[in-house]
Amino acid sequence: PQETRAAGETELWLAIDGRFAGVFLLADTLRADARQAVEELRRMGLRVAMLTGDAEPAARAIARQAGIDEVEAGVLPEGKLAFIEKLKREGVQAAMVGDGINDAPALAAAGVGIAMAAGADVAAASSDVTLVRAQLRLVPAALLLARRAVRIMRQNLFWAFVYNVIMIPAAAAGHLNPILAAAAMSLSSLSVVTNSLRLARFRRA
């Protein structure tokens, strides 16, 4: 029994006519890409924790396989929500990944809620992002894409600001031909669109 608990296995004993007939060992299996996803998140400088309603031994066993050190086991939905709220009070922007009904409150409260499309509908409805494939390695990919999108938006705002600061006063003072001003405006819009289209070339998973 101690060995099975350490391995995170649950024992089911079978009796026939009151006599012992056998025992079954049940255990959760780790997603094939879970450890890779955790490693990539850590390389991005992110803290990774696991929140689960499973018992402590089973949770610890799965966490060890995934390479996660911080584990909160035996947590009810309100416990997951409280964990996210605690991080927010500490000034931490947390991303929550889940696929079950029990994850919905925490997904809704997190800075970014990420749900698996193959999970419960309420989890997807409560999240900000829904991954259409049930692959955990898409989580770091989604975060990288978001970071790149924010960086490109900032670039676009910067160049649009530079254009307006230079061109509008020049046009108002009559130093810029209206045709050239219109062409410059079109060029500015084209540069913003072209810069944004770089996101279409994003390939991470």
N, C-alpha and C. Protein backbone atom coordinates (compact mmCIF):
# COMPACT_ATOMS: atom_id res chain seq x y z
N PRO A 1 0.82 -1.22 0.00
CA PRO A 1 0.00 0.00 0.00
C PRO A 1 0.85 1.26 0.00
N GLN A 2 1.95 1.27 0.75
CA GLN A 2 2.81 2.45 0.79
C GLN A 2 3.42 2.72 -0.57
N GLU A 3 3.80 1.64 -1.26
CA GLU A 3 4.39 1.81 -2.59
C GLU A 3 3.39 2.38 -3.58
N THR A 4 2.14 1.90 -3.51
CA THR A 4 1.14 2.40 -4.44
C THR A 4 0.80 3.86 -4.15
N ARG A 5 0.75 4.23 -2.87
CA ARG A 5 0.48 5.63 -2.54
C ARG A 5 1.61 6.52 -3.01
N ALA A 6 2.84 6.06 -2.86
CA ALA A 6 3.99 6.86 -3.30
C ALA A 6 3.98 7.05 -4.81
N ALA A 7 3.47 6.06 -5.52
CA ALA A 7 3.40 6.14 -6.98
C ALA A 7 2.17 6.89 -7.45
N GLY A 8 1.32 7.30 -6.51
CA GLY A 8 0.12 8.03 -6.88
C GLY A 8 -0.99 7.14 -7.39
N GLU A 9 -0.95 5.87 -7.05
CA GLU A 9 -1.97 4.93 -7.52
C GLU A 9 -3.06 4.77 -6.47
N THR A 10 -4.27 4.54 -6.95
CA THR A 10 -5.41 4.31 -6.08
C THR A 10 -5.77 2.83 -6.12
N GLU A 11 -5.96 2.23 -4.94
CA GLU A 11 -6.26 0.80 -4.86
C GLU A 11 -7.77 0.57 -4.82
N LEU A 12 -8.22 -0.37 -5.63
CA LEU A 12 -9.60 -0.84 -5.57
C LEU A 12 -9.57 -2.34 -5.28
N TRP A 13 -10.15 -2.72 -4.15
CA TRP A 13 -10.14 -4.12 -3.74
C TRP A 13 -11.44 -4.80 -4.20
N LEU A 14 -11.29 -6.01 -4.70
CA LEU A 14 -12.43 -6.78 -5.20
C LEU A 14 -12.67 -8.00 -4.32
N ALA A 15 -13.92 -8.14 -3.91
CA ALA A 15 -14.30 -9.31 -3.11
C ALA A 15 -15.46 -10.02 -3.78
N ILE A 16 -15.44 -11.33 -3.76
CA ILE A 16 -16.52 -12.16 -4.30
C ILE A 16 -17.02 -13.06 -3.19
N ASP A 17 -18.32 -12.92 -2.90
CA ASP A 17 -18.91 -13.68 -1.80
C ASP A 17 -18.17 -13.44 -0.50
N GLY A 18 -17.75 -12.21 -0.30
CA GLY A 18 -17.09 -11.86 0.96
C GLY A 18 -15.64 -12.26 1.05
N ARG A 19 -15.10 -12.81 -0.01
CA ARG A 19 -13.69 -13.25 0.02
C ARG A 19 -12.88 -12.42 -0.97
N PHE A 20 -11.66 -12.09 -0.55
CA PHE A 20 -10.77 -11.30 -1.40
C PHE A 20 -10.53 -12.02 -2.73
N ALA A 21 -10.70 -11.25 -3.84
CA ALA A 21 -10.51 -11.85 -5.16
C ALA A 21 -9.46 -11.13 -5.99
N GLY A 22 -9.13 -9.92 -5.61
CA GLY A 22 -8.12 -9.22 -6.40
C GLY A 22 -8.06 -7.74 -6.04
N VAL A 23 -7.11 -7.05 -6.65
CA VAL A 23 -6.95 -5.62 -6.41
C VAL A 23 -6.61 -4.94 -7.73
N PHE A 24 -7.19 -3.76 -7.93
CA PHE A 24 -6.90 -2.97 -9.11
C PHE A 24 -6.16 -1.71 -8.68
N LEU A 25 -5.20 -1.32 -9.49
CA LEU A 25 -4.45 -0.09 -9.24
C LEU A 25 -4.77 0.91 -10.34
N LEU A 26 -5.30 2.07 -9.95
CA LEU A 26 -5.67 3.10 -10.91
C LEU A 26 -4.74 4.30 -10.75
N ALA A 27 -4.32 4.86 -11.85
CA ALA A 27 -3.43 6.02 -11.79
C ALA A 27 -3.68 6.92 -12.99
N ASP A 28 -3.53 8.22 -12.77
CA ASP A 28 -3.62 9.17 -13.87
C ASP A 28 -2.38 9.05 -14.75
N THR A 29 -2.57 9.31 -16.02
CA THR A 29 -1.43 9.30 -16.94
C THR A 29 -1.11 10.73 -17.36
N LEU A 30 0.16 11.00 -17.47
CA LEU A 30 0.61 12.34 -17.84
C LEU A 30 0.50 12.53 -19.35
N ARG A 31 0.03 13.70 -19.76
CA ARG A 31 0.02 14.00 -21.19
C ARG A 31 1.44 13.94 -21.73
N ALA A 32 1.57 13.44 -22.95
CA ALA A 32 2.89 13.21 -23.52
C ALA A 32 3.74 14.47 -23.60
N ASP A 33 3.10 15.62 -23.81
CA ASP A 33 3.85 16.86 -23.98
C ASP A 33 3.86 17.74 -22.74
N ALA A 34 3.41 17.20 -21.60
CA ALA A 34 3.29 18.01 -20.39
C ALA A 34 4.64 18.50 -19.89
N ARG A 35 5.62 17.61 -19.81
CA ARG A 35 6.93 18.02 -19.30
C ARG A 35 7.58 19.05 -20.22
N GLN A 36 7.44 18.84 -21.52
CA GLN A 36 7.99 19.80 -22.49
C GLN A 36 7.36 21.17 -22.30
N ALA A 37 6.04 21.19 -22.09
CA ALA A 37 5.34 22.47 -21.89
C ALA A 37 5.82 23.17 -20.64
N VAL A 38 6.00 22.42 -19.55
CA VAL A 38 6.46 23.01 -18.29
C VAL A 38 7.88 23.58 -18.46
N GLU A 39 8.74 22.83 -19.14
CA GLU A 39 10.10 23.31 -19.35
C GLU A 39 10.12 24.59 -20.18
N GLU A 40 9.29 24.66 -21.20
CA GLU A 40 9.24 25.86 -22.04
C GLU A 40 8.70 27.05 -21.26
N LEU A 41 7.72 26.83 -20.41
CA LEU A 41 7.19 27.92 -19.58
C LEU A 41 8.25 28.44 -18.63
N ARG A 42 9.04 27.53 -18.09
CA ARG A 42 10.11 27.96 -17.18
C ARG A 42 11.19 28.74 -17.93
N ARG A 43 11.49 28.32 -19.16
CA ARG A 43 12.48 29.06 -19.94
C ARG A 43 11.99 30.47 -20.26
N MET A 44 10.68 30.64 -20.26
CA MET A 44 10.10 31.97 -20.50
C MET A 44 10.12 32.81 -19.23
N GLY A 45 10.63 32.24 -18.14
CA GLY A 45 10.72 32.97 -16.88
C GLY A 45 9.44 32.94 -16.07
N LEU A 46 8.59 31.95 -16.31
CA LEU A 46 7.30 31.87 -15.62
C LEU A 46 7.35 30.85 -14.49
N ARG A 47 6.59 31.12 -13.46
CA ARG A 47 6.44 30.21 -12.32
C ARG A 47 5.30 29.25 -12.65
N VAL A 48 5.51 27.97 -12.41
CA VAL A 48 4.50 26.96 -12.75
C VAL A 48 4.03 26.25 -11.48
N ALA A 49 2.73 26.21 -11.27
CA ALA A 49 2.15 25.50 -10.13
C ALA A 49 1.00 24.64 -10.61
N MET A 50 0.73 23.56 -9.89
CA MET A 50 -0.38 22.67 -10.24
C MET A 50 -1.43 22.72 -9.16
N LEU A 51 -2.67 22.99 -9.56
CA LEU A 51 -3.82 22.98 -8.66
C LEU A 51 -4.71 21.81 -9.05
N THR A 52 -5.02 20.95 -8.11
CA THR A 52 -5.80 19.77 -8.45
C THR A 52 -6.66 19.33 -7.27
N GLY A 53 -7.77 18.72 -7.60
CA GLY A 53 -8.63 18.16 -6.57
C GLY A 53 -8.21 16.76 -6.16
N ASP A 54 -7.21 16.20 -6.83
CA ASP A 54 -6.74 14.85 -6.51
C ASP A 54 -6.06 14.82 -5.14
N ALA A 55 -5.96 13.64 -4.59
CA ALA A 55 -5.29 13.46 -3.30
C ALA A 55 -3.80 13.78 -3.43
N GLU A 56 -3.19 14.12 -2.30
CA GLU A 56 -1.79 14.54 -2.28
C GLU A 56 -0.83 13.55 -2.94
N PRO A 57 -0.89 12.24 -2.62
CA PRO A 57 0.08 11.31 -3.23
C PRO A 57 -0.03 11.27 -4.75
N ALA A 58 -1.27 11.20 -5.26
CA ALA A 58 -1.45 11.16 -6.72
C ALA A 58 -0.99 12.45 -7.36
N ALA A 59 -1.30 13.58 -6.72
CA ALA A 59 -0.89 14.87 -7.27
C ALA A 59 0.62 15.00 -7.31
N ARG A 60 1.29 14.60 -6.24
CA ARG A 60 2.75 14.69 -6.17
C ARG A 60 3.41 13.80 -7.23
N ALA A 61 2.83 12.62 -7.45
CA ALA A 61 3.40 11.71 -8.43
C ALA A 61 3.33 12.31 -9.83
N ILE A 62 2.19 12.88 -10.19
CA ILE A 62 2.04 13.51 -11.51
C ILE A 62 2.94 14.72 -11.63
N ALA A 63 3.02 15.51 -10.55
CA ALA A 63 3.86 16.70 -10.57
C ALA A 63 5.32 16.34 -10.79
N ARG A 64 5.77 15.29 -10.15
CA ARG A 64 7.17 14.85 -10.34
C ARG A 64 7.44 14.50 -11.79
N GLN A 65 6.50 13.80 -12.41
CA GLN A 65 6.68 13.42 -13.81
C GLN A 65 6.70 14.64 -14.73
N ALA A 66 5.90 15.65 -14.37
CA ALA A 66 5.82 16.84 -15.22
C ALA A 66 6.92 17.85 -14.92
N GLY A 67 7.65 17.65 -13.82
CA GLY A 67 8.70 18.59 -13.45
C GLY A 67 8.18 19.81 -12.73
N ILE A 68 7.06 19.66 -12.01
CA ILE A 68 6.46 20.77 -11.26
C ILE A 68 6.75 20.59 -9.78
N ASP A 69 7.27 21.63 -9.15
CA ASP A 69 7.61 21.57 -7.73
C ASP A 69 6.49 22.08 -6.83
N GLU A 70 5.73 23.05 -7.30
CA GLU A 70 4.68 23.66 -6.48
C GLU A 70 3.35 22.99 -6.76
N VAL A 71 2.80 22.35 -5.74
CA VAL A 71 1.56 21.57 -5.91
C VAL A 71 0.58 21.94 -4.82
N GLU A 72 -0.67 22.19 -5.21
CA GLU A 72 -1.78 22.38 -4.27
C GLU A 72 -2.77 21.25 -4.55
N ALA A 73 -2.82 20.25 -3.65
CA ALA A 73 -3.66 19.07 -3.86
C ALA A 73 -4.93 19.14 -3.01
N GLY A 74 -5.92 18.35 -3.41
CA GLY A 74 -7.17 18.31 -2.68
C GLY A 74 -7.90 19.64 -2.68
N VAL A 75 -7.76 20.39 -3.76
CA VAL A 75 -8.31 21.74 -3.83
C VAL A 75 -9.68 21.71 -4.52
N LEU A 76 -10.67 22.30 -3.87
CA LEU A 76 -12.01 22.44 -4.46
C LEU A 76 -12.03 23.65 -5.38
N PRO A 77 -13.09 23.82 -6.18
CA PRO A 77 -13.15 24.97 -7.09
C PRO A 77 -12.91 26.30 -6.40
N GLU A 78 -13.49 26.47 -5.19
CA GLU A 78 -13.29 27.73 -4.48
C GLU A 78 -11.84 27.88 -4.01
N GLY A 79 -11.16 26.75 -3.79
CA GLY A 79 -9.75 26.80 -3.41
C GLY A 79 -8.87 27.25 -4.57
N LYS A 80 -9.20 26.80 -5.77
CA LYS A 80 -8.46 27.25 -6.95
C LYS A 80 -8.68 28.74 -7.18
N LEU A 81 -9.92 29.17 -7.01
CA LEU A 81 -10.22 30.59 -7.15
C LEU A 81 -9.46 31.41 -6.10
N ALA A 82 -9.43 30.92 -4.86
CA ALA A 82 -8.72 31.63 -3.80
C ALA A 82 -7.23 31.74 -4.10
N PHE A 83 -6.66 30.71 -4.70
CA PHE A 83 -5.24 30.72 -5.05
C PHE A 83 -4.97 31.82 -6.08
N ILE A 84 -5.82 31.92 -7.09
CA ILE A 84 -5.67 32.95 -8.12
C ILE A 84 -5.85 34.34 -7.52
N GLU A 85 -6.86 34.50 -6.66
CA GLU A 85 -7.11 35.79 -6.03
C GLU A 85 -5.93 36.21 -5.15
N LYS A 86 -5.32 35.26 -4.49
CA LYS A 86 -4.16 35.55 -3.64
C LYS A 86 -3.01 36.08 -4.49
N LEU A 87 -2.76 35.45 -5.64
CA LEU A 87 -1.71 35.91 -6.54
C LEU A 87 -1.99 37.33 -7.02
N LYS A 88 -3.25 37.60 -7.33
CA LYS A 88 -3.63 38.94 -7.82
C LYS A 88 -3.39 39.99 -6.74
N ARG A 89 -3.69 39.65 -5.48
CA ARG A 89 -3.45 40.60 -4.39
C ARG A 89 -1.96 40.87 -4.21
N GLU A 90 -1.13 39.88 -4.56
CA GLU A 90 0.32 40.04 -4.47
C GLU A 90 0.90 40.77 -5.68
N GLY A 91 0.02 41.14 -6.62
CA GLY A 91 0.48 41.84 -7.81
C GLY A 91 0.97 40.94 -8.91
N VAL A 92 0.65 39.65 -8.83
CA VAL A 92 1.09 38.67 -9.83
C VAL A 92 -0.01 38.48 -10.86
N GLN A 93 0.34 38.63 -12.14
CA GLN A 93 -0.61 38.34 -13.22
C GLN A 93 -0.53 36.85 -13.54
N ALA A 94 -1.58 36.13 -13.20
CA ALA A 94 -1.56 34.68 -13.34
C ALA A 94 -2.34 34.23 -14.56
N ALA A 95 -1.81 33.20 -15.22
CA ALA A 95 -2.53 32.52 -16.30
C ALA A 95 -2.97 31.16 -15.77
N MET A 96 -4.22 30.84 -15.95
CA MET A 96 -4.78 29.58 -15.46
C MET A 96 -5.11 28.69 -16.66
N VAL A 97 -4.66 27.44 -16.60
CA VAL A 97 -4.95 26.48 -17.66
C VAL A 97 -5.82 25.37 -17.07
N GLY A 98 -6.95 25.09 -17.71
CA GLY A 98 -7.82 24.05 -17.19
C GLY A 98 -8.81 23.59 -18.23
N ASP A 99 -9.48 22.48 -17.95
CA ASP A 99 -10.45 21.96 -18.91
C ASP A 99 -11.71 21.40 -18.25
N GLY A 100 -11.81 21.55 -16.93
CA GLY A 100 -12.93 20.95 -16.23
C GLY A 100 -13.89 21.99 -15.66
N ILE A 101 -15.05 21.51 -15.21
CA ILE A 101 -16.04 22.39 -14.58
C ILE A 101 -15.45 23.03 -13.32
N ASN A 102 -14.66 22.26 -12.59
CA ASN A 102 -14.07 22.77 -11.35
C ASN A 102 -13.07 23.90 -11.61
N ASP A 103 -12.58 24.01 -12.84
CA ASP A 103 -11.59 25.04 -13.16
C ASP A 103 -12.24 26.37 -13.57
N ALA A 104 -13.53 26.35 -13.86
CA ALA A 104 -14.20 27.52 -14.44
C ALA A 104 -14.06 28.79 -13.59
N PRO A 105 -14.29 28.75 -12.26
CA PRO A 105 -14.16 30.00 -11.49
C PRO A 105 -12.75 30.59 -11.56
N ALA A 106 -11.73 29.73 -11.46
CA ALA A 106 -10.35 30.22 -11.52
C ALA A 106 -10.00 30.72 -12.92
N LEU A 107 -10.52 30.07 -13.95
CA LEU A 107 -10.28 30.53 -15.32
C LEU A 107 -10.84 31.92 -15.54
N ALA A 108 -12.03 32.16 -14.99
CA ALA A 108 -12.67 33.47 -15.16
C ALA A 108 -11.94 34.56 -14.38
N ALA A 109 -11.36 34.20 -13.23
CA ALA A 109 -10.72 35.20 -12.37
C ALA A 109 -9.27 35.49 -12.77
N ALA A 110 -8.64 34.57 -13.47
CA ALA A 110 -7.22 34.73 -13.81
C ALA A 110 -7.01 35.87 -14.80
N GLY A 111 -5.78 36.41 -14.80
CA GLY A 111 -5.45 37.44 -15.77
C GLY A 111 -5.66 36.94 -17.18
N VAL A 112 -5.29 35.68 -17.41
CA VAL A 112 -5.54 35.01 -18.69
C VAL A 112 -6.02 33.60 -18.38
N GLY A 113 -7.22 33.26 -18.82
CA GLY A 113 -7.75 31.92 -18.67
C GLY A 113 -7.59 31.15 -19.96
N ILE A 114 -6.96 29.99 -19.89
CA ILE A 114 -6.69 29.18 -21.09
C ILE A 114 -7.38 27.83 -20.91
N ALA A 115 -8.31 27.51 -21.80
CA ALA A 115 -9.06 26.26 -21.71
C ALA A 115 -8.77 25.38 -22.91
N MET A 116 -8.95 24.10 -22.70
CA MET A 116 -8.82 23.11 -23.77
C MET A 116 -10.19 22.90 -24.42
N ALA A 117 -10.21 22.92 -25.74
CA ALA A 117 -11.48 22.76 -26.44
C ALA A 117 -12.13 21.42 -26.16
N ALA A 118 -11.31 20.40 -25.85
CA ALA A 118 -11.84 19.07 -25.59
C ALA A 118 -12.42 18.95 -24.18
N GLY A 119 -12.31 20.00 -23.36
CA GLY A 119 -12.81 19.95 -21.99
C GLY A 119 -14.27 20.35 -21.89
N ALA A 120 -14.66 20.72 -20.68
CA ALA A 120 -16.06 21.10 -20.43
C ALA A 120 -16.39 22.42 -21.11
N ASP A 121 -17.63 22.54 -21.58
CA ASP A 121 -18.06 23.77 -22.25
C ASP A 121 -17.98 24.98 -21.33
N VAL A 122 -18.28 24.78 -20.05
CA VAL A 122 -18.26 25.91 -19.11
C VAL A 122 -16.83 26.42 -18.92
N ALA A 123 -15.85 25.53 -19.03
CA ALA A 123 -14.46 25.96 -18.91
C ALA A 123 -14.08 26.84 -20.10
N ALA A 124 -14.48 26.44 -21.29
CA ALA A 124 -14.20 27.24 -22.48
C ALA A 124 -14.91 28.58 -22.42
N ALA A 125 -16.15 28.58 -21.91
CA ALA A 125 -16.92 29.82 -21.83
C ALA A 125 -16.32 30.78 -20.81
N SER A 126 -15.65 30.25 -19.79
CA SER A 126 -15.08 31.09 -18.74
C SER A 126 -13.68 31.59 -19.06
N SER A 127 -13.08 31.08 -20.12
CA SER A 127 -11.69 31.39 -20.43
C SER A 127 -11.57 32.54 -21.43
N ASP A 128 -10.37 33.07 -21.53
CA ASP A 128 -10.08 34.10 -22.53
C ASP A 128 -9.57 33.48 -23.82
N VAL A 129 -8.89 32.34 -23.69
CA VAL A 129 -8.31 31.65 -24.85
C VAL A 129 -8.72 30.19 -24.79
N THR A 130 -9.13 29.65 -25.93
CA THR A 130 -9.46 28.22 -26.01
C THR A 130 -8.55 27.57 -27.04
N LEU A 131 -7.79 26.57 -26.60
CA LEU A 131 -6.90 25.86 -27.51
C LEU A 131 -7.69 24.79 -28.24
N VAL A 132 -7.67 24.83 -29.56
CA VAL A 132 -8.51 23.92 -30.34
C VAL A 132 -7.95 22.51 -30.38
N ARG A 133 -6.68 22.36 -29.99
CA ARG A 133 -6.09 21.03 -29.89
C ARG A 133 -5.73 20.76 -28.44
N ALA A 134 -5.96 19.56 -27.96
CA ALA A 134 -5.69 19.21 -26.57
C ALA A 134 -4.20 18.90 -26.39
N GLN A 135 -3.38 19.90 -26.60
CA GLN A 135 -1.93 19.74 -26.48
C GLN A 135 -1.38 20.85 -25.57
N LEU A 136 -0.77 20.45 -24.48
CA LEU A 136 -0.28 21.42 -23.52
C LEU A 136 0.87 22.27 -24.07
N ARG A 137 1.58 21.76 -25.06
CA ARG A 137 2.68 22.56 -25.62
C ARG A 137 2.16 23.80 -26.36
N LEU A 138 0.86 23.85 -26.61
CA LEU A 138 0.27 25.05 -27.21
C LEU A 138 0.15 26.18 -26.20
N VAL A 139 0.23 25.88 -24.91
CA VAL A 139 0.13 26.93 -23.89
C VAL A 139 1.30 27.91 -23.99
N PRO A 140 2.56 27.44 -23.95
CA PRO A 140 3.66 28.40 -24.13
C PRO A 140 3.63 29.06 -25.51
N ALA A 141 3.17 28.33 -26.53
CA ALA A 141 3.08 28.91 -27.86
C ALA A 141 2.08 30.07 -27.87
N ALA A 142 0.94 29.90 -27.19
CA ALA A 142 -0.07 30.97 -27.13
C ALA A 142 0.48 32.19 -26.40
N LEU A 143 1.22 31.96 -25.33
CA LEU A 143 1.79 33.07 -24.57
C LEU A 143 2.86 33.80 -25.38
N LEU A 144 3.66 33.05 -26.12
CA LEU A 144 4.68 33.68 -26.97
C LEU A 144 4.02 34.51 -28.07
N LEU A 145 2.94 33.98 -28.64
CA LEU A 145 2.22 34.72 -29.68
C LEU A 145 1.63 36.01 -29.11
N ALA A 146 1.09 35.92 -27.89
CA ALA A 146 0.52 37.11 -27.25
C ALA A 146 1.60 38.17 -27.01
N ARG A 147 2.77 37.73 -26.56
CA ARG A 147 3.87 38.67 -26.31
C ARG A 147 4.29 39.33 -27.62
N ARG A 148 4.36 38.55 -28.67
CA ARG A 148 4.77 39.11 -29.96
C ARG A 148 3.71 40.10 -30.47
N ALA A 149 2.44 39.77 -30.27
CA ALA A 149 1.37 40.67 -30.71
C ALA A 149 1.45 42.00 -29.98
N VAL A 150 1.69 41.96 -28.67
CA VAL A 150 1.81 43.21 -27.90
C VAL A 150 3.00 44.02 -28.38
N ARG A 151 4.11 43.35 -28.66
CA ARG A 151 5.30 44.06 -29.14
C ARG A 151 5.03 44.74 -30.48
N ILE A 152 4.33 44.06 -31.37
CA ILE A 152 4.02 44.65 -32.68
C ILE A 152 3.04 45.81 -32.54
N MET A 153 2.07 45.69 -31.65
CA MET A 153 1.13 46.80 -31.43
C MET A 153 1.86 48.04 -30.93
N ARG A 154 2.82 47.83 -30.04
CA ARG A 154 3.58 48.97 -29.53
C ARG A 154 4.41 49.62 -30.65
N GLN A 155 4.98 48.77 -31.51
CA GLN A 155 5.73 49.31 -32.65
C GLN A 155 4.82 50.15 -33.55
N ASN A 156 3.63 49.63 -33.83
CA ASN A 156 2.69 50.34 -34.68
C ASN A 156 2.27 51.68 -34.07
N LEU A 157 2.01 51.68 -32.77
CA LEU A 157 1.64 52.92 -32.09
C LEU A 157 2.78 53.94 -32.14
N PHE A 158 4.01 53.44 -31.97
CA PHE A 158 5.16 54.34 -31.99
C PHE A 158 5.31 55.02 -33.35
N TRP A 159 5.25 54.23 -34.42
CA TRP A 159 5.44 54.81 -35.76
C TRP A 159 4.26 55.68 -36.16
N ALA A 160 3.06 55.32 -35.74
CA ALA A 160 1.90 56.17 -36.02
C ALA A 160 2.03 57.51 -35.29
N PHE A 161 2.55 57.46 -34.07
CA PHE A 161 2.76 58.69 -33.30
C PHE A 161 3.81 59.57 -33.98
N VAL A 162 4.91 58.95 -34.42
CA VAL A 162 5.96 59.71 -35.11
C VAL A 162 5.41 60.37 -36.36
N TYR A 163 4.62 59.61 -37.13
CA TYR A 163 4.03 60.15 -38.36
C TYR A 163 3.16 61.37 -38.05
N ASN A 164 2.29 61.23 -37.06
CA ASN A 164 1.38 62.33 -36.74
C ASN A 164 2.11 63.56 -36.22
N VAL A 165 3.13 63.34 -35.42
CA VAL A 165 3.89 64.47 -34.86
C VAL A 165 4.59 65.26 -35.96
N ILE A 166 5.06 64.56 -36.98
CA ILE A 166 5.80 65.23 -38.05
C ILE A 166 4.88 65.77 -39.14
N MET A 167 3.96 64.93 -39.59
CA MET A 167 3.18 65.27 -40.78
C MET A 167 2.04 66.25 -40.51
N ILE A 168 1.34 66.11 -39.41
CA ILE A 168 0.19 66.99 -39.17
C ILE A 168 0.61 68.46 -39.04
N PRO A 169 1.63 68.80 -38.24
CA PRO A 169 2.06 70.20 -38.20
C PRO A 169 2.54 70.72 -39.56
N ALA A 170 3.25 69.83 -40.31
CA ALA A 170 3.74 70.26 -41.62
C ALA A 170 2.58 70.55 -42.57
N ALA A 171 1.55 69.69 -42.54
CA ALA A 171 0.39 69.91 -43.40
C ALA A 171 -0.38 71.16 -42.97
N ALA A 172 -0.52 71.35 -41.65
CA ALA A 172 -1.26 72.51 -41.16
C ALA A 172 -0.56 73.82 -41.51
N ALA A 173 0.77 73.78 -41.56
CA ALA A 173 1.54 75.00 -41.88
C ALA A 173 1.64 75.24 -43.37
N GLY A 174 1.08 74.31 -44.17
CA GLY A 174 1.10 74.47 -45.62
C GLY A 174 2.41 74.07 -46.26
N HIS A 175 3.26 73.35 -45.53
CA HIS A 175 4.55 72.93 -46.07
C HIS A 175 4.47 71.57 -46.77
N LEU A 176 3.28 70.97 -46.78
CA LEU A 176 3.16 69.64 -47.36
C LEU A 176 2.02 69.64 -48.37
N ASN A 177 2.32 69.24 -49.58
CA ASN A 177 1.31 69.14 -50.63
C ASN A 177 0.23 68.15 -50.22
N PRO A 178 -1.06 68.48 -50.40
CA PRO A 178 -2.14 67.56 -50.00
C PRO A 178 -2.02 66.18 -50.62
N ILE A 179 -1.55 66.12 -51.86
CA ILE A 179 -1.38 64.81 -52.52
C ILE A 179 -0.31 64.01 -51.81
N LEU A 180 0.80 64.68 -51.46
CA LEU A 180 1.87 63.99 -50.74
C LEU A 180 1.41 63.58 -49.33
N ALA A 181 0.60 64.44 -48.71
CA ALA A 181 0.07 64.10 -47.38
C ALA A 181 -0.81 62.86 -47.44
N ALA A 182 -1.66 62.78 -48.46
CA ALA A 182 -2.53 61.61 -48.62
C ALA A 182 -1.71 60.35 -48.89
N ALA A 183 -0.66 60.50 -49.72
CA ALA A 183 0.21 59.36 -50.02
C ALA A 183 0.95 58.90 -48.77
N ALA A 184 1.40 59.89 -47.96
CA ALA A 184 2.11 59.55 -46.73
C ALA A 184 1.18 58.85 -45.75
N MET A 185 -0.06 59.30 -45.69
CA MET A 185 -1.04 58.66 -44.80
C MET A 185 -1.29 57.21 -45.23
N SER A 186 -1.41 57.00 -46.54
CA SER A 186 -1.62 55.64 -47.05
C SER A 186 -0.40 54.78 -46.75
N LEU A 187 0.79 55.36 -46.90
CA LEU A 187 2.02 54.62 -46.62
C LEU A 187 2.11 54.24 -45.14
N SER A 188 1.67 55.17 -44.29
CA SER A 188 1.68 54.89 -42.85
C SER A 188 0.75 53.72 -42.53
N SER A 189 -0.45 53.75 -43.09
CA SER A 189 -1.40 52.66 -42.85
C SER A 189 -0.88 51.35 -43.40
N LEU A 190 -0.24 51.41 -44.57
CA LEU A 190 0.31 50.20 -45.18
C LEU A 190 1.42 49.61 -44.32
N SER A 191 2.26 50.46 -43.73
CA SER A 191 3.35 49.97 -42.89
C SER A 191 2.80 49.29 -41.63
N VAL A 192 1.72 49.84 -41.07
CA VAL A 192 1.10 49.24 -39.88
C VAL A 192 0.54 47.86 -40.21
N VAL A 193 -0.18 47.79 -41.33
CA VAL A 193 -0.77 46.51 -41.73
C VAL A 193 0.31 45.48 -42.04
N THR A 194 1.35 45.91 -42.76
CA THR A 194 2.44 44.99 -43.12
C THR A 194 3.17 44.48 -41.88
N ASN A 195 3.40 45.38 -40.94
CA ASN A 195 4.07 44.98 -39.69
C ASN A 195 3.20 43.98 -38.92
N SER A 196 1.89 44.20 -38.91
CA SER A 196 0.98 43.29 -38.20
C SER A 196 0.92 41.93 -38.86
N LEU A 197 1.07 41.90 -40.17
CA LEU A 197 1.00 40.62 -40.89
C LEU A 197 2.16 39.69 -40.56
N ARG A 198 3.17 40.22 -39.89
CA ARG A 198 4.27 39.35 -39.47
C ARG A 198 3.79 38.28 -38.50
N LEU A 199 2.68 38.55 -37.81
CA LEU A 199 2.12 37.55 -36.89
C LEU A 199 1.65 36.31 -37.64
N ALA A 200 1.27 36.47 -38.90
CA ALA A 200 0.80 35.33 -39.70
C ALA A 200 1.91 34.32 -39.93
N ARG A 201 3.17 34.77 -39.81
CA ARG A 201 4.30 33.87 -40.02
C ARG A 201 4.73 33.16 -38.74
N PHE A 202 4.00 33.45 -37.63
CA PHE A 202 4.36 32.85 -36.34
C PHE A 202 4.13 31.36 -36.39
N ARG A 203 5.16 30.61 -36.14
CA ARG A 203 5.08 29.15 -36.09
C ARG A 203 5.81 28.66 -34.84
N ARG A 204 5.02 28.11 -33.89
CA ARG A 204 5.65 27.66 -32.66
C ARG A 204 5.33 26.21 -32.33
N ALA A 205 4.18 25.71 -32.84
CA ALA A 205 3.77 24.36 -32.49
C ALA A 205 3.37 23.60 -33.74
